[in-house]
PDB file of N, CA and C in Angstrom:
ATOM      1  N   MET A   1      -2.544   7.981  40.649  1.00  0.00           N
ATOM      2  CA  MET A   1      -3.143   7.609  39.792  1.00  0.00           C
ATOM      3  C   MET A   1      -3.239   8.080  38.284  1.00  0.00           C
ATOM      4  N   SER A   2      -2.876   9.338  38.194  1.00  0.00           N
ATOM      5  CA  SER A   2      -2.527  10.273  37.385  1.00  0.00           C
ATOM      6  C   SER A   2      -1.549  10.664  36.470  1.00  0.00           C
ATOM      7  N   TRP A   3      -0.324   9.883  37.166  1.00  0.00           N
ATOM      8  CA  TRP A   3       1.093   9.503  36.799  1.00  0.00           C
ATOM      9  C   TRP A   3       1.215   8.474  35.864  1.00  0.00           C
ATOM     10  N   GLN A   4       0.384   7.519  35.931  1.00  0.00           N
ATOM     11  CA  GLN A   4       0.060   6.082  35.350  1.00  0.00           C
ATOM     12  C   GLN A   4      -0.699   7.008  33.993  1.00  0.00           C
ATOM     13  N   LEU A   5      -1.400   7.252  34.020  1.00  0.00           N
ATOM     14  CA  LEU A   5      -2.079   8.009  32.469  1.00  0.00           C
ATOM     15  C   LEU A   5      -1.016   8.540  31.609  1.00  0.00           C
ATOM     16  N   TRP A   6      -0.305   9.609  31.980  1.00  0.00           N
ATOM     17  CA  TRP A   6       0.834   9.952  31.059  1.00  0.00           C
ATOM     18  C   TRP A   6       1.929   9.290  31.196  1.00  0.00           C
ATOM     19  N   VAL A   7       2.248   7.831  31.941  1.00  0.00           N
ATOM     20  CA  VAL A   7       2.557   7.144  31.257  1.00  0.00           C
ATOM     21  C   VAL A   7       2.630   6.404  29.974  1.00  0.00           C
ATOM     22  N   VAL A   8       1.261   6.383  30.019  1.00  0.00           N
ATOM     23  CA  VAL A   8       0.795   5.448  29.129  1.00  0.00           C
ATOM     24  C   VAL A   8       0.139   6.124  27.850  1.00  0.00           C
ATOM     25  N   ILE A   9      -0.116   7.961  28.598  1.00  0.00           N
ATOM     26  CA  ILE A   9      -0.482   8.788  26.733  1.00  0.00           C
ATOM     27  C   ILE A   9       1.558   9.224  26.572  1.00  0.00           C
ATOM     28  N   ALA A  10       2.638   8.818  26.972  1.00  0.00           N
ATOM     29  CA  ALA A  10       3.701   9.197  26.541  1.00  0.00           C
ATOM     30  C   ALA A  10       4.087   8.053  25.240  1.00  0.00           C
ATOM     31  N   LEU A  11       3.822   6.295  26.116  1.00  0.00           N
ATOM     32  CA  LEU A  11       4.042   5.434  25.067  1.00  0.00           C
ATOM     33  C   LEU A  11       3.340   5.220  24.305  1.00  0.00           C
ATOM     34  N   ALA A  12       2.066   6.021  24.219  1.00  0.00           N
ATOM     35  CA  ALA A  12       1.577   5.959  23.021  1.00  0.00           C
ATOM     36  C   ALA A  12       2.016   6.759  22.235  1.00  0.00           C
ATOM     37  N   ALA A  13       2.353   7.788  22.210  1.00  0.00           N
ATOM     38  CA  ALA A  13       2.778   9.131  21.427  1.00  0.00           C
ATOM     39  C   ALA A  13       4.211   8.725  21.101  1.00  0.00           C
ATOM     40  N   ALA A  14       4.897   7.717  21.376  1.00  0.00           N
ATOM     41  CA  ALA A  14       6.521   7.621  21.637  1.00  0.00           C
ATOM     42  C   ALA A  14       6.083   6.120  20.289  1.00  0.00           C
ATOM     43  N   GLY A  15       5.156   5.675  20.102  1.00  0.00           N
ATOM     44  CA  GLY A  15       4.791   4.020  19.855  1.00  0.00           C
ATOM     45  C   GLY A  15       4.337   4.588  18.528  1.00  0.00           C
ATOM     46  N   LEU A  16       3.423   6.081  18.203  1.00  0.00           N
ATOM     47  CA  LEU A  16       3.057   7.065  17.127  1.00  0.00           C
ATOM     48  C   LEU A  16       4.041   7.520  15.999  1.00  0.00           C
ATOM     49  N   VAL A  17       4.963   8.411  17.094  1.00  0.00           N
ATOM     50  CA  VAL A  17       6.395   8.522  16.386  1.00  0.00           C
ATOM     51  C   VAL A  17       7.032   7.664  15.526  1.00  0.00           C
ATOM     52  N   LEU A  18       7.209   6.505  16.488  1.00  0.00           N
ATOM     53  CA  LEU A  18       8.054   4.984  15.927  1.00  0.00           C
ATOM     54  C   LEU A  18       7.733   4.877  14.190  1.00  0.00           C
ATOM     55  N   VAL A  19       5.892   4.287  14.382  1.00  0.00           N
ATOM     56  CA  VAL A  19       5.319   4.290  12.828  1.00  0.00           C
ATOM     57  C   VAL A  19       5.220   4.995  12.067  1.00  0.00           C
ATOM     58  N   ALA A  20       5.609   6.031  12.380  1.00  0.00           N
ATOM     59  CA  ALA A  20       5.518   7.547  11.646  1.00  0.00           C
ATOM     60  C   ALA A  20       6.636   7.661  10.678  1.00  0.00           C
ATOM     61  N   ALA A  21       7.847   7.371  11.575  1.00  0.00           N
ATOM     62  CA  ALA A  21       9.294   7.609  11.238  1.00  0.00           C
ATOM     63  C   ALA A  21       9.523   6.322  10.503  1.00  0.00           C
ATOM     64  N   ALA A  22       9.322   5.326  10.904  1.00  0.00           N
ATOM     65  CA  ALA A  22       9.426   3.770   9.802  1.00  0.00           C
ATOM     66  C   ALA A  22       8.820   4.219   8.542  1.00  0.00           C
ATOM     67  N   ARG A  23       7.546   4.546   9.013  1.00  0.00           N
ATOM     68  CA  ARG A  23       6.367   5.061   7.097  1.00  0.00           C
ATOM     69  C   ARG A  23       7.471   6.126   5.835  1.00  0.00           C
ATOM     70  N   ILE A  24       7.893   7.473   7.087  1.00  0.00           N
ATOM     71  CA  ILE A  24       8.223   8.431   6.557  1.00  0.00           C
ATOM     72  C   ILE A  24       9.914   8.133   5.638  1.00  0.00           C
ATOM     73  N   ARG A  25      10.251   6.752   6.318  1.00  0.00           N
ATOM     74  CA  ARG A  25      11.543   6.350   5.786  1.00  0.00           C
ATOM     75  C   ARG A  25      11.496   5.749   4.773  1.00  0.00           C
ATOM     76  N   HIS A  26      10.688   4.692   4.546  1.00  0.00           N
ATOM     77  CA  HIS A  26       9.618   3.929   3.685  1.00  0.00           C
ATOM     78  C   HIS A  26       9.625   4.800   2.568  1.00  0.00           C
ATOM     79  N   ALA A  27       8.605   5.791   2.395  1.00  0.00           N
ATOM     80  CA  ALA A  27       8.345   6.620   1.203  1.00  0.00           C
ATOM     81  C   ALA A  27       9.348   7.110   0.855  1.00  0.00           C
ATOM     82  N   ARG A  28      10.650   7.232   1.611  1.00  0.00           N
ATOM     83  CA  ARG A  28      11.885   8.228   1.233  1.00  0.00           C
ATOM     84  C   ARG A  28      12.382   6.932   0.066  1.00  0.00           C
ATOM     85  N   LYS A  29      13.091   6.005   0.555  1.00  0.00           N
ATOM     86  CA  LYS A  29      13.506   5.317  -0.113  1.00  0.00           C
ATOM     87  C   LYS A  29      12.527   4.715  -1.825  1.00  0.00           C
ATOM     88  N   ILE A  30      11.410   4.660  -0.969  1.00  0.00           N
ATOM     89  CA  ILE A  30      10.556   4.474  -2.425  1.00  0.00           C
ATOM     90  C   ILE A  30      10.761   6.051  -3.409  1.00  0.00           C
ATOM     91  N   PHE A  31      11.128   7.261  -2.877  1.00  0.00           N
ATOM     92  CA  PHE A  31      10.544   8.116  -3.893  1.00  0.00           C
ATOM     93  C   PHE A  31      11.864   7.990  -4.177  1.00  0.00           C
ATOM     94  N   ASP A  32      13.447   7.569  -3.232  1.00  0.00           N
ATOM     95  CA  ASP A  32      14.510   8.406  -4.315  1.00  0.00           C
ATOM     96  C   ASP A  32      14.676   6.865  -5.379  1.00  0.00           C
ATOM     97  N   ASP A  33      13.761   5.895  -5.166  1.00  0.00           N
ATOM     98  CA  ASP A  33      14.477   5.116  -6.472  1.00  0.00           C
ATOM     99  C   ASP A  33      13.434   5.173  -7.586  1.00  0.00           C
ATOM    100  N   ILE A  34      12.480   5.920  -7.289  1.00  0.00           N
ATOM    101  CA  ILE A  34      11.803   6.391  -8.166  1.00  0.00           C
ATOM    102  C   ILE A  34      12.432   7.765  -8.781  1.00  0.00           C
ATOM    103  N   THR A  35      13.148   8.817  -8.188  1.00  0.00           N
ATOM    104  CA  THR A  35      13.854   9.690  -9.103  1.00  0.00           C
ATOM    105  C   THR A  35      15.204   9.264  -9.550  1.00  0.00           C
ATOM    106  N   ASP A  36      15.872   8.040  -9.444  1.00  0.00           N
ATOM    107  CA  ASP A  36      17.082   7.721  -9.403  1.00  0.00           C
ATOM    108  C   ASP A  36      17.683   7.792 -11.136  1.00  0.00           C
ATOM    109  N   LEU A  37      17.826   8.728 -11.450  1.00  0.00           N
ATOM    110  CA  LEU A  37      18.531   8.454 -13.386  1.00  0.00           C
ATOM    111  C   LEU A  37      19.000   8.137 -13.415  1.00  0.00           C
ATOM    112  N   ASN A  38      20.069   7.544 -12.594  1.00  0.00           N
ATOM    113  CA  ASN A  38      21.025   6.109 -12.624  1.00  0.00           C
ATOM    114  C   ASN A  38      20.536   4.751 -12.935  1.00  0.00           C
ATOM    115  N   HIS A  39      19.586   4.725 -12.036  1.00  0.00           N
ATOM    116  CA  HIS A  39      19.046   3.371 -11.755  1.00  0.00           C
ATOM    117  C   HIS A  39      18.647   2.374 -13.010  1.00  0.00           C
ATOM    118  N   PRO A  40      19.130   1.471 -13.261  1.00  0.00           N
ATOM    119  CA  PRO A  40      18.562   0.869 -14.885  1.00  0.00           C
ATOM    120  C   PRO A  40      17.195   0.167 -14.342  1.00  0.00           C
ATOM    121  N   ILE A  41      16.024   0.455 -15.374  1.00  0.00           N
ATOM    122  CA  ILE A  41      14.656   0.198 -15.132  1.00  0.00           C
ATOM    123  C   ILE A  41      14.422  -1.195 -15.841  1.00  0.00           C
ATOM    124  N   ARG A  42      13.714  -1.286 -14.925  1.00  0.00           N
ATOM    125  CA  ARG A  42      13.259  -3.214 -14.962  1.00  0.00           C
ATOM    126  C   ARG A  42      11.503  -3.429 -15.580  1.00  0.00           C
ATOM    127  N   LEU A  43      11.550  -3.795 -16.700  1.00  0.00           N
ATOM    128  CA  LEU A  43      10.687  -3.904 -17.882  1.00  0.00           C
ATOM    129  C   LEU A  43       9.596  -5.529 -17.002  1.00  0.00           C
ATOM    130  N   MET A  44       8.596  -5.255 -17.214  1.00  0.00           N
ATOM    131  CA  MET A  44       7.610  -6.348 -16.473  1.00  0.00           C
ATOM    132  C   MET A  44       7.733  -7.063 -18.002  1.00  0.00           C
ATOM    133  N   PRO A  45       7.870  -8.466 -17.513  1.00  0.00           N
ATOM    134  CA  PRO A  45       7.431  -9.129 -18.792  1.00  0.00           C
ATOM    135  C   PRO A  45       6.342  -8.864 -19.934  1.00  0.00           C
ATOM    136  N   PRO A  46       6.319  -9.593 -20.854  1.00  0.00           N
ATOM    137  CA  PRO A  46       4.892  -8.665 -21.664  1.00  0.00           C
ATOM    138  C   PRO A  46       3.601 -10.022 -21.047  1.00  0.00           C
ATOM    139  N   ALA A  47       2.729  -9.332 -21.440  1.00  0.00           N
ATOM    140  CA  ALA A  47       1.254 -10.321 -20.749  1.00  0.00           C
ATOM    141  C   ALA A  47       0.987 -11.006 -21.724  1.00  0.00           C
ATOM    142  N   THR A  48       0.904 -12.149 -21.643  1.00  0.00           N
ATOM    143  CA  THR A  48       0.239 -13.230 -22.711  1.00  0.00           C
ATOM    144  C   THR A  48      -1.266 -12.819 -23.175  1.00  0.00           C
ATOM    145  N   ALA A  49      -1.436 -13.829 -23.778  1.00  0.00           N
ATOM    146  CA  ALA A  49      -2.737 -13.882 -24.166  1.00  0.00           C
ATOM    147  C   ALA A  49      -3.600 -14.797 -23.006  1.00  0.00           C
ATOM    148  N   ASP A  50      -3.097 -16.130 -22.665  1.00  0.00           N
ATOM    149  CA  ASP A  50      -3.614 -16.371 -21.491  1.00  0.00           C
ATOM    150  C   ASP A  50      -4.002 -15.312 -20.126  1.00  0.00           C
ATOM    151  N   ASP A  51      -3.229 -14.480 -19.823  1.00  0.00           N
ATOM    152  CA  ASP A  51      -3.225 -12.983 -18.947  1.00  0.00           C
ATOM    153  C   ASP A  51      -4.306 -12.529 -18.785  1.00  0.00           C
ATOM    154  N   LEU A  52      -4.726 -11.873 -19.943  1.00  0.00           N
ATOM    155  CA  LEU A  52      -5.710 -11.301 -20.765  1.00  0.00           C
ATOM    156  C   LEU A  52      -6.727 -12.087 -21.179  1.00  0.00           C
ATOM    157  N   ALA A  53      -7.080 -13.332 -21.604  1.00  0.00           N
ATOM    158  CA  ALA A  53      -8.257 -13.986 -21.374  1.00  0.00           C
ATOM    159  C   ALA A  53      -8.857 -14.021 -19.763  1.00  0.00           C
ATOM    160  N   ARG A  54      -7.914 -14.336 -19.419  1.00  0.00           N
ATOM    161  CA  ARG A  54      -8.353 -14.721 -18.007  1.00  0.00           C
ATOM    162  C   ARG A  54      -8.847 -13.220 -17.265  1.00  0.00           C
ATOM    163  N   ALA A  55      -7.731 -11.945 -17.411  1.00  0.00           N
ATOM    164  CA  ALA A  55      -8.629 -10.648 -16.974  1.00  0.00           C
ATOM    165  C   ALA A  55      -9.802 -10.272 -16.967  1.00  0.00           C
ATOM    166  N   ARG A  56      -9.988 -10.670 -19.001  1.00  0.00           N
ATOM    167  CA  ARG A  56     -11.002 -10.662 -19.214  1.00  0.00           C
ATOM    168  C   ARG A  56     -12.669 -11.031 -19.207  1.00  0.00           C
ATOM    169  N   ALA A  57     -12.218 -11.988 -18.629  1.00  0.00           N
ATOM    170  CA  ALA A  57     -13.518 -13.096 -17.722  1.00  0.00           C
ATOM    171  C   ALA A  57     -13.204 -13.054 -16.694  1.00  0.00           C
ATOM    172  N   ARG A  58     -12.710 -12.412 -15.514  1.00  0.00           N
ATOM    173  CA  ARG A  58     -12.752 -11.893 -14.856  1.00  0.00           C
ATOM    174  C   ARG A  58     -13.733 -10.852 -14.442  1.00  0.00           C
ATOM    175  N   HIS A  59     -13.336  -9.620 -15.534  1.00  0.00           N
ATOM    176  CA  HIS A  59     -13.963  -8.503 -15.606  1.00  0.00           C
ATOM    177  C   HIS A  59     -15.616  -8.827 -15.791  1.00  0.00           C
ATOM    178  N   ALA A  60     -16.091  -9.547 -16.941  1.00  0.00           N
ATOM    179  CA  ALA A  60     -16.897  -9.966 -17.703  1.00  0.00           C
ATOM    180  C   ALA A  60     -18.169 -10.705 -16.514  1.00  0.00           C
ATOM    181  N   ARG A  61     -17.700 -11.403 -15.456  1.00  0.00           N
ATOM    182  CA  ARG A  61     -18.594 -11.924 -14.175  1.00  0.00           C
ATOM    183  C   ARG A  61     -17.908 -11.367 -13.295  1.00  0.00           C
ATOM    184  N   PRO A  62     -18.677 -10.014 -13.098  1.00  0.00           N
ATOM    185  CA  PRO A  62     -18.437  -9.881 -11.358  1.00  0.00           C
ATOM    186  C   PRO A  62     -18.517 -10.790 -10.074  1.00  0.00           C
ATOM    187  N   GLU A  63     -17.880 -10.540  -9.285  1.00  0.00           N
ATOM    188  CA  GLU A  63     -18.469 -11.464  -7.846  1.00  0.00           C
ATOM    189  C   GLU A  63     -19.714 -11.589  -8.155  1.00  0.00           C
ATOM    190  N   PRO A  64     -20.599 -12.377  -7.325  1.00  0.00           N
ATOM    191  CA  PRO A  64     -21.610 -12.266  -7.267  1.00  0.00           C
ATOM    192  C   PRO A  64     -22.256 -11.430  -6.142  1.00  0.00           C
ATOM    193  N   ASP A  65     -21.557 -11.598  -5.239  1.00  0.00           N
ATOM    194  CA  ASP A  65     -22.316 -10.291  -4.424  1.00  0.00           C
ATOM    195  C   ASP A  65     -21.819  -8.975  -4.234  1.00  0.00           C
ATOM    196  N   ARG A  66     -21.879  -9.087  -5.734  1.00  0.00           N
ATOM    197  CA  ARG A  66     -21.270  -7.563  -5.929  1.00  0.00           C
ATOM    198  C   ARG A  66     -22.149  -7.145  -7.142  1.00  0.00           C
ATOM    199  N   HIS A  67     -23.021  -7.323  -6.891  1.00  0.00           N
ATOM    200  CA  HIS A  67     -24.031  -6.410  -7.425  1.00  0.00           C
ATOM    201  C   HIS A  67     -24.132  -5.048  -7.349  1.00  0.00           C
ATOM    202  N   ARG A  68     -24.683  -4.523  -8.659  1.00  0.00           N
ATOM    203  CA  ARG A  68     -24.545  -3.145  -8.703  1.00  0.00           C
ATOM    204  C   ARG A  68     -26.504  -2.479  -8.502  1.00  0.00           C
ATOM    205  N   ARG A  69     -26.809  -2.112  -7.574  1.00  0.00           N
ATOM    206  CA  ARG A  69     -27.977  -1.211  -6.619  1.00  0.00           C
ATOM    207  C   ARG A  69     -28.342   0.075  -6.971  1.00  0.00           C
ATOM    208  N   HIS A  70     -29.395   0.536  -7.125  1.00  0.00           N
ATOM    209  CA  HIS A  70     -29.753   1.958  -7.560  1.00  0.00           C
ATOM    210  C   HIS A  70     -31.108   2.021  -6.415  1.00  0.00           C
ATOM    211  N   GLY A  71     -30.593   3.460  -5.874  1.00  0.00           N
ATOM    212  CA  GLY A  71     -31.426   4.215  -5.000  1.00  0.00           C
ATOM    213  C   GLY A  71     -31.177   4.266  -3.265  1.00  0.00           C
TER     214      GLY A  71
END
């Protein structure tokens, strides 16, 4: 029975190593994209007046369940 526990622990550890390696690889890819000086810069399109109005309206009317409470 003891060896079965070790098998489960080894599989869990292997899974964690694979997840960590995938996250590190993704982070490195993003870091390389950020630090690449020869990469063309993609600019976002400018915000329109409608986008700004929607953002202001969202900010002015917070969600009903999210009231600030003190105490």
